[in-house]
C-alpha atoms as a PDB file:
ATOM      1  CA  MET A   1      27.038 -49.694   8.541  1.00  0.00           C
ATOM      2  CA  ILE A   2      26.077 -49.365   4.868  1.00  0.00           C
ATOM      3  CA  GLN A   3      22.560 -48.029   4.307  1.00  0.00           C
ATOM      4  CA  GLY A   4      20.699 -48.795   1.100  1.00  0.00           C
ATOM      5  CA  GLN A   5      23.564 -50.429  -0.779  1.00  0.00           C
ATOM      6  CA  PHE A   6      25.406 -53.732  -0.929  1.00  0.00           C
ATOM      7  CA  PRO A   7      29.027 -54.463  -0.009  1.00  0.00           C
ATOM      8  CA  GLU A   8      31.583 -54.826  -2.780  1.00  0.00           C
ATOM      9  CA  ASN A   9      31.114 -57.805  -5.101  1.00  0.00           C
ATOM     10  CA  ASP A  10      34.489 -59.257  -4.125  1.00  0.00           C
ATOM     11  CA  LEU A  11      33.250 -59.632  -0.544  1.00  0.00           C
ATOM     12  CA  LEU A  12      30.058 -61.390  -1.636  1.00  0.00           C
ATOM     13  CA  ARG A  13      31.549 -63.674  -4.292  1.00  0.00           C
ATOM     14  CA  PRO A  14      32.739 -66.424  -1.837  1.00  0.00           C
ATOM     15  CA  VAL A  15      29.273 -66.698  -0.253  1.00  0.00           C
ATOM     16  CA  ARG A  16      27.607 -70.114  -0.516  1.00  0.00           C
ATOM     17  CA  HIS A  17      25.530 -70.212   2.677  1.00  0.00           C
ATOM     18  CA  VAL A  18      22.600 -67.965   3.595  1.00  0.00           C
ATOM     19  CA  PHE A  19      21.393 -67.883   7.195  1.00  0.00           C
ATOM     20  CA  THR A  20      18.183 -65.955   7.749  1.00  0.00           C
ATOM     21  CA  ASP A  21      15.640 -65.039  10.370  1.00  0.00           C
ATOM     22  CA  ILE A  22      12.002 -65.716   9.403  1.00  0.00           C
ATOM     23  CA  ASP A  23       9.499 -63.292  10.967  1.00  0.00           C
ATOM     24  CA  ASP A  24       9.659 -59.861   9.314  1.00  0.00           C
ATOM     25  CA  THR A  25      12.750 -60.982   7.388  1.00  0.00           C
ATOM     26  CA  LEU A  26      11.018 -63.446   5.046  1.00  0.00           C
ATOM     27  CA  THR A  27       7.486 -62.364   5.934  1.00  0.00           C
ATOM     28  CA  ALA A  28       5.358 -59.217   5.987  1.00  0.00           C
ATOM     29  CA  ASP A  29       2.304 -58.890   8.228  1.00  0.00           C
ATOM     30  CA  GLY A  30       2.825 -62.493   9.282  1.00  0.00           C
ATOM     31  CA  ARG A  31       2.735 -63.959   5.767  1.00  0.00           C
ATOM     32  CA  LEU A  32       5.610 -65.587   3.903  1.00  0.00           C
ATOM     33  CA  LEU A  33       6.145 -63.434   0.823  1.00  0.00           C
ATOM     34  CA  PRO A  34       6.275 -65.140  -2.589  1.00  0.00           C
ATOM     35  CA  GLU A  35       9.337 -63.060  -3.442  1.00  0.00           C
ATOM     36  CA  ALA A  36      11.199 -64.450  -0.438  1.00  0.00           C
ATOM     37  CA  PHE A  37      10.124 -68.049  -0.994  1.00  0.00           C
ATOM     38  CA  SER A  38      11.020 -67.858  -4.674  1.00  0.00           C
ATOM     39  CA  ALA A  39      14.412 -66.385  -3.755  1.00  0.00           C
ATOM     40  CA  MET A  40      15.101 -69.347  -1.454  1.00  0.00           C
ATOM     41  CA  TRP A  41      14.298 -71.764  -4.265  1.00  0.00           C
ATOM     42  CA  LYS A  42      16.609 -69.875  -6.629  1.00  0.00           C
ATOM     43  CA  LEU A  43      19.422 -70.091  -4.078  1.00  0.00           C
ATOM     44  CA  HIS A  44      18.748 -73.791  -3.536  1.00  0.00           C
ATOM     45  CA  ASP A  45      18.776 -74.508  -7.271  1.00  0.00           C
ATOM     46  CA  ALA A  46      22.032 -72.583  -7.634  1.00  0.00           C
ATOM     47  CA  GLY A  47      23.718 -74.737  -4.990  1.00  0.00           C
ATOM     48  CA  TYR A  48      23.510 -72.441  -1.968  1.00  0.00           C
ATOM     49  CA  SER A  49      22.691 -73.735   1.504  1.00  0.00           C
ATOM     50  CA  VAL A  50      19.748 -71.848   3.030  1.00  0.00           C
ATOM     51  CA  ILE A  51      19.297 -72.189   6.793  1.00  0.00           C
ATOM     52  CA  PRO A  52      16.552 -70.277   8.617  1.00  0.00           C
ATOM     53  CA  VAL A  53      17.476 -69.294  12.182  1.00  0.00           C
ATOM     54  CA  THR A  54      14.309 -68.532  14.089  1.00  0.00           C
ATOM     55  CA  GLY A  55      12.581 -68.209  17.422  1.00  0.00           C
ATOM     56  CA  ARG A  56       9.672 -70.222  16.062  1.00  0.00           C
ATOM     57  CA  PRO A  57       8.737 -73.549  17.676  1.00  0.00           C
ATOM     58  CA  ALA A  58       9.713 -77.146  17.070  1.00  0.00           C
ATOM     59  CA  GLY A  59       6.382 -77.899  15.410  1.00  0.00           C
ATOM     60  CA  TRP A  60       6.937 -75.216  12.810  1.00  0.00           C
ATOM     61  CA  CYS A  61      10.542 -76.276  12.257  1.00  0.00           C
ATOM     62  CA  ASP A  62       9.464 -79.854  11.508  1.00  0.00           C
ATOM     63  CA  CYS A  63       7.337 -78.506   8.652  1.00  0.00           C
ATOM     64  CA  ILE A  64      10.016 -76.076   7.439  1.00  0.00           C
ATOM     65  CA  ALA A  65      12.740 -78.746   7.350  1.00  0.00           C
ATOM     66  CA  ARG A  66      10.472 -81.053   5.357  1.00  0.00           C
ATOM     67  CA  GLN A  67       8.814 -78.630   2.946  1.00  0.00           C
ATOM     68  CA  TRP A  68      11.038 -75.595   2.390  1.00  0.00           C
ATOM     69  CA  PRO A  69      14.159 -75.587   0.151  1.00  0.00           C
ATOM     70  CA  VAL A  70      16.506 -75.472   3.148  1.00  0.00           C
ATOM     71  CA  ARG A  71      19.538 -77.425   4.357  1.00  0.00           C
ATOM     72  CA  GLY A  72      18.245 -77.258   7.905  1.00  0.00           C
ATOM     73  CA  VAL A  73      16.460 -74.932  10.335  1.00  0.00           C
ATOM     74  CA  VAL A  74      17.622 -73.649  13.721  1.00  0.00           C
ATOM     75  CA  GLY A  75      14.619 -73.253  16.021  1.00  0.00           C
ATOM     76  CA  GLU A  76      13.522 -71.858  19.365  1.00  0.00           C
ATOM     77  CA  ASN A  77      16.375 -69.345  19.355  1.00  0.00           C
ATOM     78  CA  GLY A  78      19.082 -72.001  19.150  1.00  0.00           C
ATOM     79  CA  ALA A  79      17.703 -74.934  21.155  1.00  0.00           C
ATOM     80  CA  PHE A  80      18.065 -77.301  18.186  1.00  0.00           C
ATOM     81  CA  VAL A  81      18.582 -77.707  14.469  1.00  0.00           C
ATOM     82  CA  MET A  82      16.289 -79.912  12.367  1.00  0.00           C
ATOM     83  CA  TYR A  83      17.272 -81.247   8.957  1.00  0.00           C
ATOM     84  CA  ILE A  84      16.539 -83.993   6.450  1.00  0.00           C
ATOM     85  CA  ASP A  85      19.396 -86.485   6.110  1.00  0.00           C
ATOM     86  CA  ASN A  86      20.565 -88.206   2.933  1.00  0.00           C
ATOM     87  CA  GLU A  87      18.075 -91.035   3.499  1.00  0.00           C
ATOM     88  CA  GLY A  88      15.158 -88.604   3.699  1.00  0.00           C
ATOM     89  CA  GLN A  89      14.694 -88.868   7.473  1.00  0.00           C
ATOM     90  CA  LEU A  90      14.049 -85.898   9.737  1.00  0.00           C
ATOM     91  CA  LYS A  91      16.899 -85.564  12.236  1.00  0.00           C
ATOM     92  CA  ARG A  92      17.479 -83.201  15.144  1.00  0.00           C
ATOM     93  CA  ILE A  93      20.553 -81.993  16.993  1.00  0.00           C
ATOM     94  CA  LEU A  94      19.926 -80.502  20.442  1.00  0.00           C
ATOM     95  CA  HIS A  95      22.162 -77.818  21.848  1.00  0.00           C
ATOM     96  CA  PRO A  96      24.162 -79.327  24.739  1.00  0.00           C
ATOM     97  CA  SER A  97      23.029 -76.511  27.044  1.00  0.00           C
ATOM     98  CA  VAL A  98      19.285 -77.080  26.593  1.00  0.00           C
ATOM     99  CA  ALA A  99      17.641 -77.163  30.025  1.00  0.00           C
ATOM    100  CA  ASN A 100      16.562 -80.453  31.576  1.00  0.00           C
ATOM    101  CA  SER A 101      13.052 -81.787  32.173  1.00  0.00           C
ATOM    102  CA  ASP A 102      12.117 -79.241  34.872  1.00  0.00           C
ATOM    103  CA  VAL A 103      12.107 -76.452  32.277  1.00  0.00           C
ATOM    104  CA  ARG A 104       8.302 -76.481  31.907  1.00  0.00           C
ATOM    105  CA  ALA A 105       7.738 -75.727  35.608  1.00  0.00           C
ATOM    106  CA  ARG A 106      10.329 -72.955  35.589  1.00  0.00           C
ATOM    107  CA  LEU A 107       8.868 -71.380  32.449  1.00  0.00           C
ATOM    108  CA  SER A 108       5.389 -71.567  33.982  1.00  0.00           C
ATOM    109  CA  GLU A 109       6.618 -69.367  36.831  1.00  0.00           C
ATOM    110  CA  VAL A 110       8.009 -66.872  34.318  1.00  0.00           C
ATOM    111  CA  LYS A 111       4.765 -66.908  32.356  1.00  0.00           C
ATOM    112  CA  GLN A 112       2.646 -66.150  35.405  1.00  0.00           C
ATOM    113  CA  ALA A 113       4.876 -63.284  36.489  1.00  0.00           C
ATOM    114  CA  VAL A 114       4.627 -61.652  33.066  1.00  0.00           C
ATOM    115  CA  LEU A 115       0.863 -62.076  32.813  1.00  0.00           C
ATOM    116  CA  ASP A 116       0.410 -60.659  36.320  1.00  0.00           C
ATOM    117  CA  LYS A 117       2.636 -57.624  35.868  1.00  0.00           C
ATOM    118  CA  VAL A 118       2.339 -56.533  32.219  1.00  0.00           C
ATOM    119  CA  PRO A 119      -1.211 -55.629  31.185  1.00  0.00           C
ATOM    120  CA  GLY A 120      -2.013 -56.824  27.671  1.00  0.00           C
ATOM    121  CA  ALA A 121       0.786 -59.406  27.552  1.00  0.00           C
ATOM    122  CA  ARG A 122      -0.344 -62.845  26.385  1.00  0.00           C
ATOM    123  CA  ILE A 123       1.169 -66.175  25.501  1.00  0.00           C
ATOM    124  CA  SER A 124       1.940 -66.668  21.816  1.00  0.00           C
ATOM    125  CA  LYS A 125      -0.544 -68.894  20.025  1.00  0.00           C
ATOM    126  CA  ASP A 126       2.326 -71.062  18.754  1.00  0.00           C
ATOM    127  CA  GLN A 127       3.257 -71.977  22.349  1.00  0.00           C
ATOM    128  CA  PRO A 128       1.674 -75.491  22.180  1.00  0.00           C
ATOM    129  CA  TYR A 129       4.261 -76.433  19.533  1.00  0.00           C
ATOM    130  CA  ARG A 130       7.277 -75.337  21.618  1.00  0.00           C
ATOM    131  CA  GLU A 131       9.533 -77.675  23.568  1.00  0.00           C
ATOM    132  CA  PHE A 132      12.149 -75.526  25.267  1.00  0.00           C
ATOM    133  CA  ASP A 133      11.052 -71.907  25.516  1.00  0.00           C
ATOM    134  CA  LEU A 134       8.241 -69.496  26.325  1.00  0.00           C
ATOM    135  CA  ALA A 135       7.001 -66.971  23.770  1.00  0.00           C
ATOM    136  CA  ILE A 136       5.171 -63.843  24.944  1.00  0.00           C
ATOM    137  CA  ASP A 137       3.312 -62.107  22.131  1.00  0.00           C
ATOM    138  CA  PHE A 138       3.636 -58.332  22.174  1.00  0.00           C
ATOM    139  CA  ALA A 139       3.237 -57.549  18.469  1.00  0.00           C
ATOM    140  CA  GLU A 140       2.202 -60.624  16.456  1.00  0.00           C
ATOM    141  CA  GLU A 141      -1.520 -60.068  16.997  1.00  0.00           C
ATOM    142  CA  PRO A 142      -3.480 -57.036  18.202  1.00  0.00           C
ATOM    143  CA  PRO A 143      -3.525 -55.322  20.563  1.00  0.00           C
ATOM    144  CA  VAL A 144       0.104 -54.488  19.806  1.00  0.00           C
ATOM    145  CA  LEU A 145       2.204 -53.502  22.802  1.00  0.00           C
ATOM    146  CA  GLY A 146       5.123 -51.115  22.466  1.00  0.00           C
ATOM    147  CA  LEU A 147       8.822 -51.770  22.786  1.00  0.00           C
ATOM    148  CA  ASP A 148       8.763 -50.364  26.318  1.00  0.00           C
ATOM    149  CA  ASP A 149       6.418 -53.184  27.316  1.00  0.00           C
ATOM    150  CA  ALA A 150       8.588 -55.693  25.466  1.00  0.00           C
ATOM    151  CA  ARG A 151      11.603 -54.528  27.450  1.00  0.00           C
ATOM    152  CA  LYS A 152       9.593 -54.768  30.683  1.00  0.00           C
ATOM    153  CA  ILE A 153       8.696 -58.377  29.808  1.00  0.00           C
ATOM    154  CA  LYS A 154      12.335 -59.125  29.058  1.00  0.00           C
ATOM    155  CA  ASP A 155      13.440 -57.666  32.391  1.00  0.00           C
ATOM    156  CA  LEU A 156      10.868 -59.733  34.311  1.00  0.00           C
ATOM    157  CA  CYS A 157      12.046 -62.919  32.616  1.00  0.00           C
ATOM    158  CA  GLU A 158      15.663 -62.165  33.457  1.00  0.00           C
ATOM    159  CA  GLU A 159      14.805 -61.392  37.086  1.00  0.00           C
ATOM    160  CA  LEU A 160      13.581 -64.991  37.345  1.00  0.00           C
ATOM    161  CA  GLY A 161      16.821 -66.355  35.917  1.00  0.00           C
ATOM    162  CA  ALA A 162      15.730 -66.927  32.324  1.00  0.00           C
ATOM    163  CA  VAL A 163      17.525 -65.847  29.183  1.00  0.00           C
ATOM    164  CA  ALA A 164      15.211 -63.470  27.312  1.00  0.00           C
ATOM    165  CA  LYS A 165      15.377 -61.921  23.847  1.00  0.00           C
ATOM    166  CA  ILE A 166      13.131 -59.512  21.968  1.00  0.00           C
ATOM    167  CA  SER A 167      12.174 -60.326  18.392  1.00  0.00           C
ATOM    168  CA  SER A 168       9.978 -58.195  16.163  1.00  0.00           C
ATOM    169  CA  ILE A 169       6.854 -59.924  17.509  1.00  0.00           C
ATOM    170  CA  HIS A 170       7.690 -61.949  20.652  1.00  0.00           C
ATOM    171  CA  VAL A 171       9.753 -61.912  23.786  1.00  0.00           C
ATOM    172  CA  ASN A 172      11.245 -65.391  24.060  1.00  0.00           C
ATOM    173  CA  ALA A 173      12.465 -66.765  27.386  1.00  0.00           C
ATOM    174  CA  TRP A 174      14.378 -69.965  28.110  1.00  0.00           C
ATOM    175  CA  PHE A 175      16.760 -71.625  30.534  1.00  0.00           C
ATOM    176  CA  GLY A 176      20.106 -72.726  29.165  1.00  0.00           C
ATOM    177  CA  ASP A 177      23.320 -71.159  27.925  1.00  0.00           C
ATOM    178  CA  TYR A 178      22.593 -70.939  24.209  1.00  0.00           C
ATOM    179  CA  ASN A 179      21.383 -68.555  21.523  1.00  0.00           C
ATOM    180  CA  LYS A 180      20.961 -68.457  17.756  1.00  0.00           C
ATOM    181  CA  LEU A 181      24.676 -68.069  17.118  1.00  0.00           C
ATOM    182  CA  SER A 182      25.923 -70.915  19.294  1.00  0.00           C
ATOM    183  CA  MET A 183      23.569 -73.355  17.555  1.00  0.00           C
ATOM    184  CA  VAL A 184      24.516 -71.996  14.122  1.00  0.00           C
ATOM    185  CA  LYS A 185      28.151 -72.849  14.871  1.00  0.00           C
ATOM    186  CA  ILE A 186      27.183 -76.436  15.730  1.00  0.00           C
ATOM    187  CA  CYS A 187      24.927 -76.670  12.689  1.00  0.00           C
ATOM    188  CA  SER A 188      27.652 -75.382  10.400  1.00  0.00           C
ATOM    189  CA  ARG A 189      30.222 -77.827  11.707  1.00  0.00           C
ATOM    190  CA  VAL A 190      27.929 -80.868  11.578  1.00  0.00           C
ATOM    191  CA  LEU A 191      25.829 -80.197   8.476  1.00  0.00           C
ATOM    192  CA  LEU A 192      28.150 -78.077   6.351  1.00  0.00           C
ATOM    193  CA  GLY A 193      31.572 -79.306   7.510  1.00  0.00           C
ATOM    194  CA  LEU A 194      32.830 -75.754   8.030  1.00  0.00           C
ATOM    195  CA  THR A 195      35.412 -74.372  10.384  1.00  0.00           C
ATOM    196  CA  GLU A 196      34.518 -71.052  12.002  1.00  0.00           C
ATOM    197  CA  ASP A 197      36.835 -69.173   9.637  1.00  0.00           C
ATOM    198  CA  GLU A 198      35.213 -70.863   6.643  1.00  0.00           C
ATOM    199  CA  LEU A 199      31.756 -70.119   8.043  1.00  0.00           C
ATOM    200  CA  LYS A 200      32.496 -66.412   8.323  1.00  0.00           C
ATOM    201  CA  ARG A 201      34.041 -66.174   4.858  1.00  0.00           C
ATOM    202  CA  SER A 202      31.352 -68.097   3.000  1.00  0.00           C
ATOM    203  CA  SER A 203      28.123 -66.982   4.697  1.00  0.00           C
ATOM    204  CA  VAL A 204      25.729 -64.077   5.044  1.00  0.00           C
ATOM    205  CA  PHE A 205      23.062 -63.500   7.657  1.00  0.00           C
ATOM    206  CA  CYS A 206      19.773 -61.659   7.177  1.00  0.00           C
ATOM    207  CA  GLY A 207      17.694 -60.425  10.107  1.00  0.00           C
ATOM    208  CA  ASP A 208      15.511 -57.655  11.451  1.00  0.00           C
ATOM    209  CA  SER A 209      15.365 -57.473  15.250  1.00  0.00           C
ATOM    210  CA  PRO A 210      17.284 -57.349  18.561  1.00  0.00           C
ATOM    211  CA  ASN A 211      17.469 -61.133  18.991  1.00  0.00           C
ATOM    212  CA  ASP A 212      19.546 -61.231  15.805  1.00  0.00           C
ATOM    213  CA  GLU A 213      22.290 -59.116  17.386  1.00  0.00           C
ATOM    214  CA  PRO A 214      24.675 -62.044  18.120  1.00  0.00           C
ATOM    215  CA  MET A 215      24.486 -62.957  14.442  1.00  0.00           C
ATOM    216  CA  PHE A 216      25.113 -59.383  13.302  1.00  0.00           C
ATOM    217  CA  ALA A 217      28.126 -59.234  15.607  1.00  0.00           C
ATOM    218  CA  TYR A 218      29.586 -62.530  14.381  1.00  0.00           C
ATOM    219  CA  PHE A 219      29.104 -62.457  10.618  1.00  0.00           C
ATOM    220  CA  PRO A 220      31.190 -59.933   8.685  1.00  0.00           C
ATOM    221  CA  LEU A 221      28.511 -60.014   5.977  1.00  0.00           C
ATOM    222  CA  SER A 222      25.152 -59.306   7.590  1.00  0.00           C
ATOM    223  CA  PHE A 223      22.035 -57.622   6.287  1.00  0.00           C
ATOM    224  CA  GLY A 224      19.255 -55.941   8.208  1.00  0.00           C
ATOM    225  CA  MET A 225      15.950 -55.557   6.438  1.00  0.00           C
ATOM    226  CA  ALA A 226      14.832 -51.915   6.147  1.00  0.00           C
ATOM    227  CA  ASN A 227      12.208 -52.501   8.849  1.00  0.00           C
ATOM    228  CA  ILE A 228      14.994 -52.946  11.401  1.00  0.00           C
ATOM    229  CA  SER A 229      15.103 -49.145  11.755  1.00  0.00           C
ATOM    230  CA  ALA A 230      12.695 -49.141  14.734  1.00  0.00           C
ATOM    231  CA  PHE A 231      15.034 -51.444  16.661  1.00  0.00           C
ATOM    232  CA  LEU A 232      18.398 -49.865  15.835  1.00  0.00           C
ATOM    233  CA  PRO A 233      18.523 -47.814  19.071  1.00  0.00           C
ATOM    234  CA  TYR A 234      18.332 -51.111  20.997  1.00  0.00           C
ATOM    235  CA  ILE A 235      21.018 -52.943  18.985  1.00  0.00           C
ATOM    236  CA  ASN A 236      24.694 -52.378  19.757  1.00  0.00           C
ATOM    237  CA  ALA A 237      26.106 -54.715  17.078  1.00  0.00           C
ATOM    238  CA  LYS A 238      24.390 -53.515  13.928  1.00  0.00           C
ATOM    239  CA  PRO A 239      24.273 -55.262  10.538  1.00  0.00           C
ATOM    240  CA  LEU A 240      26.887 -54.349   7.959  1.00  0.00           C
ATOM    241  CA  SER A 241      24.229 -53.315   5.447  1.00  0.00           C
ATOM    242  CA  ILE A 242      20.550 -52.372   5.549  1.00  0.00           C
ATOM    243  CA  THR A 243      18.389 -53.143   2.525  1.00  0.00           C
ATOM    244  CA  GLN A 244      16.393 -50.474   0.730  1.00  0.00           C
ATOM    245  CA  ARG A 245      13.203 -52.534   0.880  1.00  0.00           C
ATOM    246  CA  PRO A 246      11.680 -54.013   4.048  1.00  0.00           C
ATOM    247  CA  TYR A 247      10.680 -57.537   5.068  1.00  0.00           C
ATOM    248  CA  GLY A 248      10.949 -60.401   2.583  1.00  0.00           C
ATOM    249  CA  TYR A 249      11.315 -57.929  -0.276  1.00  0.00           C
ATOM    250  CA  GLY A 250      14.683 -56.898   1.145  1.00  0.00           C
ATOM    251  CA  PHE A 251      15.656 -60.537   1.580  1.00  0.00           C
ATOM    252  CA  ALA A 252      14.804 -61.204  -2.068  1.00  0.00           C
ATOM    253  CA  ASP A 253      17.026 -58.270  -3.063  1.00  0.00           C
ATOM    254  CA  VAL A 254      19.960 -59.746  -1.110  1.00  0.00           C
ATOM    255  CA  CYS A 255      19.461 -63.098  -2.844  1.00  0.00           C
ATOM    256  CA  GLU A 256      19.259 -61.524  -6.289  1.00  0.00           C
ATOM    257  CA  LYS A 257      22.493 -59.690  -5.615  1.00  0.00           C
ATOM    258  CA  LEU A 258      24.253 -62.908  -4.614  1.00  0.00           C
ATOM    259  CA  LEU A 259      22.953 -64.758  -7.657  1.00  0.00           C
ATOM    260  CA  SER A 260      23.962 -61.950  -9.987  1.00  0.00           C
ATOM    261  CA  ILE A 261      27.662 -62.216  -9.120  1.00  0.00           C
ATOM    262  CA  ASN A 262      28.023 -65.990  -8.771  1.00  0.00           C
END
């Protein structure tokens, strides 16, 4: 793991695709930073594909696909990808392992167990815009719960048969054999026409939290924002490099580095 510096230019020169988490990777204190948004536009204008990979809900992803300078957006931790096609229409690809129509009832059981057993836990306020998962807020809004509580929430979800992942702000739970990485592979094949070898050689990933671990493990070129430091003890597969600056400032630094050598 490289701390505070970038990999060699020769490793970064083939990069044409930038996959990135959103919360605390493009944002700070819940707000999208102008530095990060400007960096995405610079990448877009230079011919890069930018694809956010987020735990945020379908409703948010509809807006992001339409209004941000992105090739597509993977949402709800890999349940789908949304994108605008060549005719200007919003399209969606669902992961083949997304749970069937009984998912709402099963997630309701998980929700009640968490609310009953973890004092201070609450449902994320973006829950009404979700289709396939449950988001428990432990750090998006006050009162902020600690990582011990987040891990307790995760364990409860898993005891009830759900997949559960901790982000920097939420614990997300869902039913179905998918995650961020498995949907990224589908997205890359369908939208970008890449084989897995090509995907690894020509892409970077930027993230900040434990639910990004599959991406850190898969991509040879991965960047953790400096604010990932609090989560490093909980992450086995760590990013190749950690930026000097946190949040969207670190993301902007990664983008500037890529643009400077290409």
